[in-house]
């Protein structure tokens, strides 16, 4: 079972690196916002895999807080760029 956890964390690390590339290279602010939201989801998934590996429920508040911060951050950026014609 440990091999499955390691493979999952490796795939999540690769997804995080590719998301960081999109975050840096994104031409528009909405591209960067979407990349940041995906990065938050990857981080939450990494915490969930860690929680499954250790059979501990102590990281559930961290999962919930991180997911809520990502959601609120994405909503606030969309609200700020809503009225603009060009999202650069």
C-alpha atoms as a PDB file:
ATOM      1  CA  UNK A   1       0.000   0.000   0.000  1.00  0.00           C
ATOM      2  CA  UNK A   2       2.943   2.312   0.563  1.00  0.00           C
ATOM      3  CA  UNK A   3       3.806   2.174  -3.134  1.00  0.00           C
ATOM      4  CA  UNK A   4       0.359   3.508  -3.980  1.00  0.00           C
ATOM      5  CA  UNK A   5       0.791   6.431  -1.592  1.00  0.00           C
ATOM      6  CA  UNK A   6       4.235   7.230  -2.980  1.00  0.00           C
ATOM      7  CA  UNK A   7       2.978   7.052  -6.570  1.00  0.00           C
ATOM      8  CA  UNK A   8       0.049   9.304  -5.713  1.00  0.00           C
ATOM      9  CA  UNK A   9       2.286  11.866  -4.039  1.00  0.00           C
ATOM     10  CA  UNK A  10       4.658  11.774  -7.030  1.00  0.00           C
ATOM     11  CA  UNK A  11       1.789  12.442  -9.432  1.00  0.00           C
ATOM     12  CA  UNK A  12       0.558  15.272  -7.215  1.00  0.00           C
ATOM     13  CA  UNK A  13       4.069  16.752  -7.112  1.00  0.00           C
ATOM     14  CA  UNK A  14       4.247  16.652 -10.912  1.00  0.00           C
ATOM     15  CA  UNK A  15       0.825  18.303 -11.132  1.00  0.00           C
ATOM     16  CA  UNK A  16       2.008  20.966  -8.699  1.00  0.00           C
ATOM     17  CA  UNK A  17       5.114  21.696 -10.767  1.00  0.00           C
ATOM     18  CA  UNK A  18       3.117  21.972 -13.978  1.00  0.00           C
ATOM     19  CA  UNK A  19       0.652  24.249 -12.220  1.00  0.00           C
ATOM     20  CA  UNK A  20       3.497  26.458 -11.023  1.00  0.00           C
ATOM     21  CA  UNK A  21       4.668  26.770 -14.624  1.00  0.00           C
ATOM     22  CA  UNK A  22       1.194  27.945 -15.645  1.00  0.00           C
ATOM     23  CA  UNK A  23       1.131  30.300 -12.665  1.00  0.00           C
ATOM     24  CA  UNK A  24       4.368  31.965 -13.758  1.00  0.00           C
ATOM     25  CA  UNK A  25       3.734  31.972 -17.522  1.00  0.00           C
ATOM     26  CA  UNK A  26       0.009  32.773 -17.509  1.00  0.00           C
ATOM     27  CA  UNK A  27      -0.556  35.784 -19.729  1.00  0.00           C
ATOM     28  CA  UNK A  28      -3.752  36.956 -17.993  1.00  0.00           C
ATOM     29  CA  UNK A  29      -4.679  37.387 -14.358  1.00  0.00           C
ATOM     30  CA  UNK A  30      -7.523  34.892 -14.688  1.00  0.00           C
ATOM     31  CA  UNK A  31      -5.090  32.231 -15.944  1.00  0.00           C
ATOM     32  CA  UNK A  32      -2.932  32.824 -12.916  1.00  0.00           C
ATOM     33  CA  UNK A  33      -5.954  32.742 -10.627  1.00  0.00           C
ATOM     34  CA  UNK A  34      -7.095  29.438 -12.075  1.00  0.00           C
ATOM     35  CA  UNK A  35      -3.581  28.016 -11.683  1.00  0.00           C
ATOM     36  CA  UNK A  36      -3.505  29.154  -8.068  1.00  0.00           C
ATOM     37  CA  UNK A  37      -6.867  27.507  -7.450  1.00  0.00           C
ATOM     38  CA  UNK A  38      -5.614  24.258  -8.989  1.00  0.00           C
ATOM     39  CA  UNK A  39      -2.498  24.492  -6.826  1.00  0.00           C
ATOM     40  CA  UNK A  40      -4.674  24.805  -3.721  1.00  0.00           C
ATOM     41  CA  UNK A  41      -6.607  21.699  -4.801  1.00  0.00           C
ATOM     42  CA  UNK A  42      -3.335  19.798  -5.299  1.00  0.00           C
ATOM     43  CA  UNK A  43      -2.176  20.855  -1.832  1.00  0.00           C
ATOM     44  CA  UNK A  44      -5.472  19.724  -0.297  1.00  0.00           C
ATOM     45  CA  UNK A  45      -5.161  16.394  -2.127  1.00  0.00           C
ATOM     46  CA  UNK A  46      -1.615  16.012  -0.800  1.00  0.00           C
ATOM     47  CA  UNK A  47      -2.831  16.594   2.750  1.00  0.00           C
ATOM     48  CA  UNK A  48      -5.600  14.040   2.172  1.00  0.00           C
ATOM     49  CA  UNK A  49      -3.081  11.436   0.985  1.00  0.00           C
ATOM     50  CA  UNK A  50      -0.925  12.190   4.021  1.00  0.00           C
ATOM     51  CA  UNK A  51      -3.961  11.773   6.224  1.00  0.00           C
ATOM     52  CA  UNK A  52      -4.694   8.388   4.636  1.00  0.00           C
ATOM     53  CA  UNK A  53      -1.061   7.299   5.041  1.00  0.00           C
ATOM     54  CA  UNK A  54      -0.900   8.100   8.736  1.00  0.00           C
ATOM     55  CA  UNK A  55      -4.479   7.089   9.619  1.00  0.00           C
ATOM     56  CA  UNK A  56      -4.872  10.389  11.416  1.00  0.00           C
ATOM     57  CA  UNK A  57      -7.761  12.826  11.369  1.00  0.00           C
ATOM     58  CA  UNK A  58      -5.767  15.695  12.839  1.00  0.00           C
ATOM     59  CA  UNK A  59      -5.260  17.328   9.433  1.00  0.00           C
ATOM     60  CA  UNK A  60      -8.980  17.711   8.681  1.00  0.00           C
ATOM     61  CA  UNK A  61      -9.069  21.326   9.967  1.00  0.00           C
ATOM     62  CA  UNK A  62      -6.061  22.110   7.769  1.00  0.00           C
ATOM     63  CA  UNK A  63      -7.875  20.612   4.776  1.00  0.00           C
ATOM     64  CA  UNK A  64     -11.026  22.610   5.420  1.00  0.00           C
ATOM     65  CA  UNK A  65      -9.218  25.905   6.026  1.00  0.00           C
ATOM     66  CA  UNK A  66      -7.026  25.521   2.949  1.00  0.00           C
ATOM     67  CA  UNK A  67      -9.998  24.680   0.728  1.00  0.00           C
ATOM     68  CA  UNK A  68     -11.994  27.637   2.063  1.00  0.00           C
ATOM     69  CA  UNK A  69      -9.088  30.042   1.582  1.00  0.00           C
ATOM     70  CA  UNK A  70      -8.651  28.878  -2.002  1.00  0.00           C
ATOM     71  CA  UNK A  71     -12.354  29.296  -2.708  1.00  0.00           C
ATOM     72  CA  UNK A  72     -12.581  32.758  -1.175  1.00  0.00           C
ATOM     73  CA  UNK A  73      -9.381  33.856  -2.931  1.00  0.00           C
ATOM     74  CA  UNK A  74     -10.675  32.760  -6.327  1.00  0.00           C
ATOM     75  CA  UNK A  75     -13.997  34.490  -5.777  1.00  0.00           C
ATOM     76  CA  UNK A  76     -12.371  37.737  -4.739  1.00  0.00           C
ATOM     77  CA  UNK A  77     -10.105  37.837  -7.793  1.00  0.00           C
ATOM     78  CA  UNK A  78     -13.048  37.148 -10.097  1.00  0.00           C
ATOM     79  CA  UNK A  79     -15.028  39.926  -8.408  1.00  0.00           C
ATOM     80  CA  UNK A  80     -12.126  42.349  -8.867  1.00  0.00           C
ATOM     81  CA  UNK A  81     -11.673  41.553 -12.569  1.00  0.00           C
ATOM     82  CA  UNK A  82     -15.370  41.243 -13.381  1.00  0.00           C
ATOM     83  CA  UNK A  83     -15.893  44.722 -14.812  1.00  0.00           C
ATOM     84  CA  UNK A  84     -12.653  44.970 -16.787  1.00  0.00           C
ATOM     85  CA  UNK A  85     -12.540  44.469 -20.531  1.00  0.00           C
ATOM     86  CA  UNK A  86      -8.978  43.260 -20.577  1.00  0.00           C
ATOM     87  CA  UNK A  87      -7.817  40.960 -17.780  1.00  0.00           C
ATOM     88  CA  UNK A  88      -4.081  41.648 -17.827  1.00  0.00           C
END
